[in-house]
N, C-alpha and C. Protein backbone atom coordinates (compact mmCIF):
# COMPACT_ATOMS: atom_id res chain seq x y z
N MET A 1 -119.68 -91.32 77.93
CA MET A 1 -119.18 -92.30 76.98
C MET A 1 -118.79 -93.66 77.74
N ILE A 2 -118.26 -93.58 78.88
CA ILE A 2 -117.81 -94.77 79.63
C ILE A 2 -119.03 -95.63 79.83
N ALA A 3 -120.18 -95.02 80.26
CA ALA A 3 -121.38 -95.79 80.51
C ALA A 3 -121.84 -96.51 79.35
N PHE A 4 -121.74 -95.97 78.17
CA PHE A 4 -122.15 -96.67 76.92
C PHE A 4 -121.37 -98.00 76.80
N GLY A 5 -120.12 -97.85 76.99
CA GLY A 5 -119.27 -99.11 76.84
C GLY A 5 -119.51 -100.07 77.94
N VAL A 6 -119.70 -99.67 79.16
CA VAL A 6 -119.94 -100.60 80.23
C VAL A 6 -121.33 -101.24 80.03
N GLY A 7 -122.33 -100.42 79.64
CA GLY A 7 -123.66 -100.92 79.35
C GLY A 7 -123.71 -101.94 78.21
N GLY A 8 -122.97 -101.65 77.21
CA GLY A 8 -122.93 -102.52 76.02
C GLY A 8 -122.21 -103.81 76.41
N SER A 9 -121.25 -103.76 77.24
CA SER A 9 -120.53 -105.03 77.56
C SER A 9 -121.36 -105.86 78.56
N PHE A 10 -122.22 -105.23 79.32
CA PHE A 10 -123.11 -105.95 80.15
C PHE A 10 -124.09 -106.82 79.33
N THR A 11 -124.56 -106.24 78.23
CA THR A 11 -125.44 -107.01 77.27
C THR A 11 -124.67 -108.15 76.66
N LEU A 12 -123.47 -107.91 76.26
CA LEU A 12 -122.69 -108.94 75.67
C LEU A 12 -122.35 -110.07 76.67
N ALA A 13 -122.09 -109.72 77.92
CA ALA A 13 -121.78 -110.69 78.94
C ALA A 13 -122.92 -111.58 79.26
N MET A 14 -124.13 -111.17 78.88
CA MET A 14 -125.31 -111.98 79.19
C MET A 14 -125.33 -113.18 78.19
N ILE A 15 -124.69 -113.06 77.01
CA ILE A 15 -124.74 -114.20 76.04
C ILE A 15 -123.44 -115.04 76.11
N LEU A 16 -122.46 -114.69 76.94
CA LEU A 16 -121.22 -115.42 77.06
C LEU A 16 -121.49 -116.87 77.46
N PRO A 17 -122.40 -117.21 78.38
CA PRO A 17 -122.62 -118.57 78.74
C PRO A 17 -123.02 -119.45 77.51
N LEU A 18 -123.75 -118.85 76.61
CA LEU A 18 -124.14 -119.60 75.41
C LEU A 18 -123.02 -119.99 74.56
N ASP A 19 -121.97 -119.08 74.53
CA ASP A 19 -120.82 -119.34 73.66
C ASP A 19 -119.80 -120.31 74.32
N ASN A 20 -119.82 -120.36 75.66
CA ASN A 20 -118.79 -121.03 76.35
C ASN A 20 -119.23 -122.36 77.03
N ALA A 21 -120.56 -122.63 77.04
CA ALA A 21 -121.04 -123.78 77.66
C ALA A 21 -120.88 -125.06 76.80
N ALA A 22 -120.64 -126.24 77.50
CA ALA A 22 -120.46 -127.47 76.74
C ALA A 22 -121.84 -128.05 76.33
N ASP A 23 -122.83 -127.83 77.09
CA ASP A 23 -124.14 -128.38 76.71
C ASP A 23 -125.22 -127.53 77.30
N ALA A 24 -126.51 -127.92 77.11
CA ALA A 24 -127.62 -127.13 77.52
C ALA A 24 -127.73 -126.97 79.07
N HIS A 25 -127.36 -127.95 79.80
CA HIS A 25 -127.40 -127.91 81.26
C HIS A 25 -126.31 -126.87 81.70
N ASP A 26 -125.15 -126.97 81.14
CA ASP A 26 -124.11 -125.95 81.51
C ASP A 26 -124.55 -124.52 81.14
N ALA A 27 -125.19 -124.37 79.95
CA ALA A 27 -125.59 -123.06 79.60
C ALA A 27 -126.72 -122.48 80.54
N ASN A 28 -127.60 -123.33 80.97
CA ASN A 28 -128.62 -122.94 81.98
C ASN A 28 -127.97 -122.54 83.27
N ALA A 29 -127.10 -123.30 83.77
CA ALA A 29 -126.42 -122.98 85.03
C ALA A 29 -125.69 -121.69 84.97
N TRP A 30 -124.88 -121.51 83.92
CA TRP A 30 -124.09 -120.30 83.79
C TRP A 30 -124.97 -119.09 83.53
N THR A 31 -126.01 -119.27 82.76
CA THR A 31 -126.91 -118.10 82.54
C THR A 31 -127.57 -117.65 83.80
N ALA A 32 -128.02 -118.60 84.60
CA ALA A 32 -128.57 -118.25 85.93
C ALA A 32 -127.57 -117.50 86.81
N PHE A 33 -126.35 -117.97 86.83
CA PHE A 33 -125.31 -117.32 87.59
C PHE A 33 -124.99 -115.88 87.14
N VAL A 34 -124.80 -115.80 85.86
CA VAL A 34 -124.42 -114.50 85.19
C VAL A 34 -125.61 -113.51 85.37
N MET A 35 -126.77 -113.93 85.18
CA MET A 35 -127.92 -113.04 85.35
C MET A 35 -128.16 -112.58 86.80
N GLY A 36 -127.90 -113.58 87.70
CA GLY A 36 -128.08 -113.26 89.08
C GLY A 36 -127.04 -112.19 89.55
N ILE A 37 -125.83 -112.46 89.30
CA ILE A 37 -124.75 -111.58 89.65
C ILE A 37 -124.80 -110.33 88.84
N GLY A 38 -125.07 -110.34 87.52
CA GLY A 38 -125.17 -109.21 86.65
C GLY A 38 -126.25 -108.19 87.03
N TYR A 39 -127.46 -108.78 87.27
CA TYR A 39 -128.53 -107.80 87.65
C TYR A 39 -128.38 -107.31 89.08
N PHE A 40 -127.75 -108.14 89.96
CA PHE A 40 -127.47 -107.59 91.34
C PHE A 40 -126.48 -106.42 91.22
N ALA A 41 -125.39 -106.59 90.50
CA ALA A 41 -124.41 -105.51 90.31
C ALA A 41 -125.08 -104.33 89.56
N GLY A 42 -125.90 -104.58 88.58
CA GLY A 42 -126.61 -103.53 87.87
C GLY A 42 -127.51 -102.72 88.72
N ALA A 43 -128.07 -103.39 89.72
CA ALA A 43 -128.96 -102.61 90.69
C ALA A 43 -128.18 -101.96 91.72
N LEU A 44 -127.10 -102.52 92.22
CA LEU A 44 -126.35 -101.97 93.30
C LEU A 44 -125.41 -100.88 92.77
N GLY A 45 -124.93 -100.97 91.62
CA GLY A 45 -123.96 -99.93 91.12
C GLY A 45 -124.43 -98.52 91.15
N PRO A 46 -125.59 -98.25 90.57
CA PRO A 46 -126.06 -96.83 90.64
C PRO A 46 -126.29 -96.30 92.05
N LEU A 47 -126.77 -97.23 92.91
CA LEU A 47 -126.99 -96.82 94.41
C LEU A 47 -125.61 -96.48 95.03
N LEU A 48 -124.66 -97.34 94.84
CA LEU A 48 -123.30 -97.03 95.40
C LEU A 48 -122.64 -95.83 94.88
N LEU A 49 -122.77 -95.62 93.52
CA LEU A 49 -122.19 -94.46 92.90
C LEU A 49 -122.92 -93.18 93.37
N GLY A 50 -124.24 -93.25 93.59
CA GLY A 50 -124.99 -92.13 94.09
C GLY A 50 -124.56 -91.83 95.50
N ILE A 51 -124.39 -92.84 96.32
CA ILE A 51 -123.83 -92.58 97.73
C ILE A 51 -122.50 -91.94 97.64
N LEU A 52 -121.65 -92.40 96.78
CA LEU A 52 -120.26 -91.74 96.63
C LEU A 52 -120.45 -90.31 96.24
N ARG A 53 -121.31 -90.08 95.29
CA ARG A 53 -121.51 -88.66 94.79
C ARG A 53 -122.01 -87.82 95.96
N ASP A 54 -122.95 -88.26 96.71
CA ASP A 54 -123.51 -87.52 97.80
C ASP A 54 -122.43 -87.31 98.90
N SER A 55 -121.59 -88.26 99.15
CA SER A 55 -120.53 -88.10 100.21
C SER A 55 -119.41 -87.20 99.74
N THR A 56 -119.09 -87.21 98.50
CA THR A 56 -117.89 -86.42 98.02
C THR A 56 -118.33 -85.01 97.52
N GLY A 57 -119.64 -84.95 97.05
CA GLY A 57 -120.14 -83.63 96.50
C GLY A 57 -119.89 -83.45 95.03
N ASP A 58 -119.24 -84.36 94.33
CA ASP A 58 -119.07 -84.29 92.89
C ASP A 58 -119.03 -85.65 92.31
N PHE A 59 -118.92 -85.69 90.94
CA PHE A 59 -118.97 -86.96 90.25
C PHE A 59 -117.54 -87.51 89.91
N ARG A 60 -116.54 -86.92 90.35
CA ARG A 60 -115.18 -87.36 89.94
C ARG A 60 -114.93 -88.78 90.37
N LEU A 61 -115.10 -89.09 91.65
CA LEU A 61 -114.79 -90.42 92.08
C LEU A 61 -115.73 -91.50 91.45
N PRO A 62 -116.96 -91.29 91.38
CA PRO A 62 -117.86 -92.24 90.62
C PRO A 62 -117.46 -92.46 89.21
N LEU A 63 -116.98 -91.44 88.52
CA LEU A 63 -116.58 -91.52 87.12
C LEU A 63 -115.27 -92.26 87.00
N TRP A 64 -114.35 -92.11 88.00
CA TRP A 64 -113.14 -92.88 87.98
C TRP A 64 -113.35 -94.34 88.27
N ILE A 65 -114.34 -94.60 89.14
CA ILE A 65 -114.72 -96.00 89.36
C ILE A 65 -115.30 -96.63 88.06
N LEU A 66 -116.16 -95.89 87.32
CA LEU A 66 -116.67 -96.45 86.11
C LEU A 66 -115.54 -96.66 85.10
N ALA A 67 -114.58 -95.81 85.03
CA ALA A 67 -113.45 -95.93 84.09
C ALA A 67 -112.62 -97.17 84.52
N ALA A 68 -112.42 -97.45 85.82
CA ALA A 68 -111.72 -98.53 86.34
C ALA A 68 -112.39 -99.85 85.92
N VAL A 69 -113.74 -99.85 86.08
CA VAL A 69 -114.50 -101.06 85.74
C VAL A 69 -114.39 -101.30 84.28
N ALA A 70 -114.44 -100.28 83.47
CA ALA A 70 -114.36 -100.41 82.04
C ALA A 70 -113.00 -101.00 81.61
N LEU A 71 -111.92 -100.44 82.19
CA LEU A 71 -110.62 -100.98 81.96
C LEU A 71 -110.40 -102.41 82.39
N LEU A 72 -110.98 -102.77 83.55
CA LEU A 72 -110.92 -104.14 83.99
C LEU A 72 -111.64 -105.09 83.05
N MET A 73 -112.79 -104.68 82.55
CA MET A 73 -113.53 -105.51 81.59
C MET A 73 -112.75 -105.62 80.27
N PHE A 74 -112.11 -104.58 79.87
CA PHE A 74 -111.28 -104.58 78.64
C PHE A 74 -110.06 -105.51 78.86
N ALA A 75 -109.49 -105.46 80.04
CA ALA A 75 -108.28 -106.32 80.27
C ALA A 75 -108.70 -107.75 80.39
N LEU A 76 -109.86 -108.13 80.81
CA LEU A 76 -110.26 -109.53 80.91
C LEU A 76 -110.84 -110.10 79.62
N SER A 77 -111.13 -109.26 78.61
CA SER A 77 -111.76 -109.66 77.42
C SER A 77 -110.96 -110.72 76.57
N PRO A 78 -109.56 -110.58 76.57
CA PRO A 78 -108.80 -111.60 75.79
C PRO A 78 -108.95 -113.06 76.31
N PHE A 79 -109.40 -113.21 77.57
CA PHE A 79 -109.57 -114.51 78.21
C PHE A 79 -110.88 -115.17 77.83
N LEU A 80 -111.77 -114.42 77.15
CA LEU A 80 -113.01 -114.95 76.69
C LEU A 80 -112.92 -115.48 75.24
N GLN A 81 -112.58 -116.75 75.11
CA GLN A 81 -112.34 -117.30 73.76
C GLN A 81 -113.29 -118.50 73.58
N PRO A 82 -114.49 -118.30 73.14
CA PRO A 82 -115.40 -119.39 73.05
C PRO A 82 -114.93 -120.41 71.93
N HIS A 83 -114.31 -119.97 70.88
CA HIS A 83 -113.94 -120.83 69.78
C HIS A 83 -112.81 -121.79 70.28
N HIS A 84 -111.92 -121.22 71.19
CA HIS A 84 -110.87 -122.11 71.79
C HIS A 84 -111.48 -123.23 72.59
N HIS A 85 -112.56 -122.93 73.31
CA HIS A 85 -113.27 -124.01 74.13
C HIS A 85 -113.84 -125.05 73.20
N ARG A 86 -114.39 -124.63 72.12
CA ARG A 86 -115.01 -125.64 71.17
C ARG A 86 -113.91 -126.57 70.52
N ARG A 87 -112.72 -125.97 70.22
CA ARG A 87 -111.65 -126.80 69.64
C ARG A 87 -111.25 -127.82 70.68
N ALA A 88 -111.15 -127.46 71.94
CA ALA A 88 -110.68 -128.40 72.92
C ALA A 88 -111.69 -129.61 73.08
N GLN A 89 -113.01 -129.33 72.87
CA GLN A 89 -114.00 -130.39 72.89
C GLN A 89 -113.88 -131.34 71.78
N ALA A 90 -113.52 -130.91 70.59
CA ALA A 90 -113.53 -131.79 69.43
C ALA A 90 -112.40 -132.82 69.37
C-alpha cells in the first residue's frame, strides 16, 4: 500500500513545476530538474532497497524506509501551494 502512495505522489510531483512556475522558461527549467532528480531516484531506489533486503535477509528495513519517505512527502505537502504563488504575482 505504501508503494501505491509513493508512486502516485511521484506522478503528481512531475506536474508541480507547471503549477508553481512564473513563466514558460521557469517551467522548462524546473521540469528538467524535477525529471532528472525524480527519475534518478526512481532508478536508484529499487536498487538500494534490494541491496538492503539482501544484506538484512528480510524486507522490514526497506519497508520502513518506504514508510519514512511517504511520511516525509506527506509532511512537505502543505508547503506546495501553487495558488498562493499566483496571488503573490498579481
